[in-house]
Amino acid sequence: MSAAACRAWITVMRLFLAVVLLMTMALFSAARGEERIALVVANPASEGSPAIANADLSAELVAATLRSLGFTVRQVSDGDRADVARAMHDFAQSLANPDSVGIFYYVGHTAQANGRNYLLTRGTRIDSKETVDQTALPLDLFMQALEATPTLKVVLLDNPGDGHNPTSGVMQGLAAVDPLTHAIVALSAKPGTVALDEARPVTVFADALTAALVKRGADIAIILASVRQTTIDKTSGAQWPWMAYGARQTLPLC
């Protein structure tokens, strides 16, 4: 067999295995009556903050991986406050079934102001605490909406880059997030810091997350522990993901 034919055969086999995995996961989820729902948001730029070059590719990789695990995925890219707020509201509303599972992944700028965490969207201004509150998305309102749902939620916040203005009192990164009942929250960098914004195709956190998600039989708590260690190792200790766990932690994804 020629080298070209061999490569073609390998490609076909990989596609075949991917289809088999997707069908198996769909049948497994249906048998358990489980609905898997995900929202993936990429906001590579906000006013006054440098663009995050790999945000869109990171979101695409995470979305594709979740689809391969049987999730119905909605994606929002470069949305303004109204676009992202609408998608987040719809996501929370879709988790009414107690047997459903929801994963939210956000990659983009974040900030702290007025004692609150914010996700920065297109058009967000960070020149003062007041403008942040008026133009960014308060994370606590989204978390409250998720708390009202009976299902297991996983909230993944990947914040490369620096979205703060020290002269205005707007602080970088995210403060520690209180865990919800039946929820897991993971920050790609420890509270008060931001993830590394390096010249990589995807973020370190997204790369580690997607590699860990496809390991068969792994539980979400084990997956996130692996993501944390891989991220620390790949950044030589410069980036430390942070996790908070609610009451229920068991979620086998394969």
Protein backbone atom coordinates (compact mmCIF):
# COMPACT_ATOMS: atom_id res chain seq x y z
CA MET A 1 0.00 0.00 0.00
CA SER A 2 1.37 3.42 -0.96
CA ALA A 3 1.94 6.13 1.62
CA ALA A 4 -0.90 8.22 0.15
CA ALA A 5 -3.30 5.28 0.23
CA CYS A 6 -2.28 4.53 3.80
CA ARG A 7 -2.97 8.10 4.89
CA ALA A 8 -6.35 8.03 3.14
CA TRP A 9 -7.24 4.76 4.87
CA ILE A 10 -6.28 6.18 8.27
CA THR A 11 -8.43 9.27 7.62
CA VAL A 12 -11.43 7.11 6.68
CA MET A 13 -11.01 4.97 9.79
CA ARG A 14 -10.82 8.04 12.02
CA LEU A 15 -14.03 9.40 10.51
CA PHE A 16 -15.70 6.02 10.92
CA LEU A 17 -14.68 5.78 14.59
CA ALA A 18 -15.89 9.33 15.21
CA VAL A 19 -19.30 8.48 13.74
CA VAL A 20 -19.51 5.28 15.80
CA LEU A 21 -18.64 7.21 18.99
CA LEU A 22 -21.28 9.85 18.26
CA MET A 23 -23.98 7.23 17.59
CA THR A 24 -23.03 5.29 20.71
CA MET A 25 -23.19 8.38 22.88
CA ALA A 26 -26.56 9.38 21.43
CA LEU A 27 -28.03 5.93 22.12
CA PHE A 28 -26.51 5.86 25.62
CA SER A 29 -27.96 9.26 26.50
CA ALA A 30 -31.37 8.39 25.07
CA ALA A 31 -31.47 5.15 27.04
CA ARG A 32 -30.95 7.08 30.24
CA GLY A 33 -33.49 9.75 29.28
CA GLU A 34 -30.70 12.30 29.52
CA GLU A 35 -30.68 15.50 27.48
CA ARG A 36 -27.28 17.09 26.94
CA ILE A 37 -27.28 20.81 26.24
CA ALA A 38 -24.36 23.18 25.81
CA LEU A 39 -23.82 26.88 25.17
CA VAL A 40 -20.43 27.94 23.82
CA VAL A 41 -19.65 31.66 23.73
CA ALA A 42 -16.58 33.32 22.22
CA ASN A 43 -16.06 37.04 22.71
CA PRO A 44 -12.60 37.80 21.30
CA ALA A 45 -12.83 41.57 21.70
CA SER A 46 -14.34 44.28 23.87
CA GLU A 47 -13.83 48.04 23.75
CA GLY A 48 -10.48 49.04 25.25
CA SER A 49 -9.17 45.46 25.47
CA PRO A 50 -6.86 43.72 22.98
CA ALA A 51 -8.47 41.06 20.81
CA ILE A 52 -7.98 37.42 21.82
CA ALA A 53 -6.74 35.86 18.59
CA ASN A 54 -7.52 32.24 19.46
CA ALA A 55 -10.93 32.70 21.10
CA ASP A 56 -12.99 31.62 18.09
CA LEU A 57 -10.91 28.51 17.36
CA SER A 58 -11.00 27.56 21.04
CA ALA A 59 -14.79 27.80 21.05
CA GLU A 60 -15.04 25.81 17.81
CA LEU A 61 -12.88 23.03 19.25
CA VAL A 62 -14.90 22.84 22.48
CA ALA A 63 -18.21 22.89 20.58
CA ALA A 64 -17.12 20.12 18.21
CA THR A 65 -15.92 17.98 21.10
CA LEU A 66 -19.19 18.41 22.99
CA ARG A 67 -21.19 17.51 19.88
CA SER A 68 -19.17 14.30 19.60
CA LEU A 69 -20.31 13.50 23.15
CA GLY A 70 -23.98 13.86 22.28
CA PHE A 71 -24.55 17.49 23.30
CA THR A 72 -26.84 19.84 21.43
CA VAL A 73 -24.63 22.89 21.13
CA ARG A 74 -25.55 26.53 20.52
CA GLN A 75 -22.69 28.87 19.64
CA VAL A 76 -22.41 32.64 19.91
CA SER A 77 -19.37 34.47 18.57
CA ASP A 78 -18.50 38.17 18.96
CA GLY A 79 -21.95 38.96 20.32
CA ASP A 80 -22.97 42.15 22.04
CA ARG A 81 -24.52 42.24 25.50
CA ALA A 82 -28.04 41.57 24.20
CA ASP A 83 -26.95 38.66 21.99
CA VAL A 84 -25.07 36.86 24.75
CA ALA A 85 -27.67 37.63 27.43
CA ARG A 86 -30.41 36.16 25.23
CA ALA A 87 -28.40 33.00 24.60
CA MET A 88 -27.61 32.61 28.31
CA HIS A 89 -31.27 33.09 29.23
CA ASP A 90 -32.37 30.48 26.66
CA PHE A 91 -29.71 28.07 27.92
CA ALA A 92 -30.91 28.35 31.52
CA GLN A 93 -34.53 27.91 30.41
CA SER A 94 -33.63 24.77 28.46
CA LEU A 95 -32.47 22.98 31.62
CA ALA A 96 -35.94 22.33 33.03
CA ASN A 97 -35.63 18.54 32.74
CA PRO A 98 -34.05 17.16 35.96
CA ASP A 99 -32.31 14.47 33.92
CA SER A 100 -30.65 16.96 31.58
CA VAL A 101 -27.04 18.09 31.76
CA GLY A 102 -25.87 21.59 30.85
CA ILE A 103 -22.36 22.79 29.99
CA PHE A 104 -21.56 26.48 29.50
CA TYR A 105 -18.17 27.42 28.05
CA TYR A 106 -17.13 31.06 27.72
CA VAL A 107 -13.85 32.25 26.23
CA GLY A 108 -13.18 35.97 26.32
CA HIS A 109 -12.36 38.92 28.52
CA THR A 110 -13.61 39.16 32.10
CA ALA A 111 -13.41 41.77 34.85
CA GLN A 112 -14.36 42.57 38.43
CA ALA A 113 -16.07 45.79 39.48
CA ASN A 114 -18.46 46.84 42.23
CA GLY A 115 -17.84 43.51 43.97
CA ARG A 116 -19.23 41.58 40.99
CA ASN A 117 -17.84 39.42 38.20
CA TYR A 118 -18.52 40.42 34.60
CA LEU A 119 -18.22 38.83 31.18
CA LEU A 120 -17.11 41.44 28.64
CA THR A 121 -18.92 41.38 25.31
CA ARG A 122 -18.59 43.37 22.11
CA GLY A 123 -19.21 47.01 23.00
CA THR A 124 -18.36 46.65 26.72
CA ARG A 125 -16.61 49.75 28.09
CA ILE A 126 -14.19 49.52 31.01
CA ASP A 127 -13.40 53.19 31.55
CA SER A 128 -15.36 53.23 34.84
CA LYS A 129 -17.17 50.91 37.22
CA GLU A 130 -20.46 52.44 36.11
CA THR A 131 -19.91 51.77 32.41
CA VAL A 132 -18.87 48.20 33.13
CA ASP A 133 -22.12 47.63 35.00
CA GLN A 134 -24.10 49.20 32.17
CA THR A 135 -22.40 47.47 29.24
CA ALA A 136 -21.05 44.12 30.51
CA LEU A 137 -22.85 40.97 31.65
CA PRO A 138 -22.97 40.36 35.42
CA LEU A 139 -22.05 36.72 36.00
CA ASP A 140 -24.06 36.47 39.22
CA LEU A 141 -27.39 36.98 37.42
CA PHE A 142 -26.62 34.07 35.11
CA MET A 143 -25.59 31.91 38.06
CA GLN A 144 -28.85 32.74 39.84
CA ALA A 145 -30.81 31.65 36.76
CA LEU A 146 -28.89 28.37 36.69
CA GLU A 147 -29.49 27.81 40.41
CA ALA A 148 -33.23 27.82 39.72
CA THR A 149 -32.88 24.77 37.44
CA PRO A 150 -32.90 21.22 38.87
CA THR A 151 -30.22 19.73 36.62
CA LEU A 152 -26.45 19.36 36.80
CA LYS A 153 -24.56 22.33 35.36
CA VAL A 154 -20.90 22.77 34.46
CA VAL A 155 -19.73 26.37 34.02
CA LEU A 156 -16.34 26.77 32.32
CA LEU A 157 -14.84 30.27 32.14
CA ASP A 158 -11.73 30.66 29.98
CA ASN A 159 -10.40 34.20 30.29
CA PRO A 160 -7.15 34.79 28.39
CA GLY A 161 -6.04 38.39 28.01
CA ASP A 162 -6.44 41.39 30.23
CA GLY A 163 -9.82 43.11 30.49
CA HIS A 164 -9.32 45.68 33.23
CA ASN A 165 -8.58 49.35 33.72
CA PRO A 166 -6.59 49.99 36.91
CA THR A 167 -7.26 53.72 36.82
CA SER A 168 -11.03 53.16 36.91
CA GLY A 169 -11.08 50.56 39.67
CA VAL A 170 -12.00 47.77 37.24
CA MET A 171 -9.98 44.72 38.26
CA GLN A 172 -8.68 41.89 36.10
CA GLY A 173 -9.87 38.30 36.05
CA LEU A 174 -12.70 36.93 38.14
CA ALA A 175 -13.27 36.69 41.86
CA ALA A 176 -13.97 33.25 43.34
CA VAL A 177 -17.43 32.06 42.30
CA ASP A 178 -19.68 30.51 44.92
CA PRO A 179 -20.63 26.97 43.86
CA LEU A 180 -24.25 26.25 43.05
CA THR A 181 -26.28 23.25 44.10
CA HIS A 182 -25.66 20.48 41.55
CA ALA A 183 -23.04 22.55 39.75
CA ILE A 184 -19.36 22.72 39.04
CA VAL A 185 -17.60 25.99 38.23
CA ALA A 186 -14.14 26.07 36.67
CA LEU A 187 -12.02 29.15 36.00
CA SER A 188 -9.12 28.75 33.60
CA ALA A 189 -6.97 30.83 35.96
CA LYS A 190 -7.11 31.31 39.72
CA PRO A 191 -9.25 34.20 41.04
CA GLY A 192 -7.84 37.65 40.44
CA THR A 193 -5.70 36.55 37.49
CA VAL A 194 -6.17 35.92 33.80
CA ALA A 195 -5.12 32.99 31.65
CA LEU A 196 -2.07 33.27 29.43
CA ASP A 197 -2.75 34.93 26.08
CA GLU A 198 -0.11 33.26 23.94
CA ALA A 199 0.36 32.66 20.22
CA ARG A 200 -1.32 29.25 20.25
CA PRO A 201 -4.04 27.94 17.90
CA VAL A 202 -6.34 27.47 20.92
CA THR A 203 -6.08 28.40 24.59
CA VAL A 204 -4.17 26.11 26.94
CA PHE A 205 -7.37 25.50 28.91
CA ALA A 206 -9.43 24.62 25.82
CA ASP A 207 -6.72 22.28 24.57
CA ALA A 208 -6.50 20.47 27.93
CA LEU A 209 -10.29 20.39 28.30
CA THR A 210 -11.04 18.83 24.93
CA ALA A 211 -8.26 16.26 25.30
CA ALA A 212 -9.67 15.20 28.68
CA LEU A 213 -13.32 15.17 27.59
CA VAL A 214 -12.85 12.40 25.05
CA LYS A 215 -11.36 9.92 27.52
CA ARG A 216 -13.93 7.14 27.75
CA GLY A 217 -15.53 6.46 31.11
CA ALA A 218 -14.19 9.60 32.76
CA ASP A 219 -16.32 11.52 35.25
CA ILE A 220 -16.48 15.31 34.99
CA ALA A 221 -14.71 15.78 38.34
CA ILE A 222 -11.84 13.57 37.15
CA ILE A 223 -11.82 15.36 33.79
CA LEU A 224 -11.47 18.78 35.42
CA ALA A 225 -8.73 17.57 37.75
CA SER A 226 -6.87 16.39 34.65
CA VAL A 227 -7.48 19.73 32.91
CA ARG A 228 -6.10 21.60 35.89
CA GLN A 229 -2.93 19.55 36.08
CA THR A 230 -2.35 19.60 32.32
CA THR A 231 -2.75 23.38 32.23
CA ILE A 232 -0.31 23.83 35.10
CA ASP A 233 2.20 21.53 33.41
CA LYS A 234 1.90 23.13 29.96
CA THR A 235 2.40 26.63 31.37
CA SER A 236 5.21 25.60 33.75
CA GLY A 237 3.09 26.71 36.68
CA ALA A 238 2.22 30.14 35.27
CA GLN A 239 -1.50 29.35 35.03
CA TRP A 240 -3.50 27.54 37.71
CA PRO A 241 -7.15 26.71 36.96
CA TRP A 242 -9.57 26.98 39.90
CA MET A 243 -12.64 24.81 40.56
CA ALA A 244 -15.64 24.95 42.89
CA TYR A 245 -17.93 21.96 43.35
CA GLY A 246 -21.57 21.87 44.41
CA ALA A 247 -23.33 19.01 46.17
CA ARG A 248 -23.55 16.67 43.20
CA GLN A 249 -20.35 15.94 41.34
CA THR A 250 -20.93 12.71 39.39
CA LEU A 251 -21.28 13.02 35.63
CA PRO A 252 -19.83 10.27 33.44
CA LEU A 253 -19.49 11.73 29.94
CA CYS A 254 -18.63 8.53 28.07
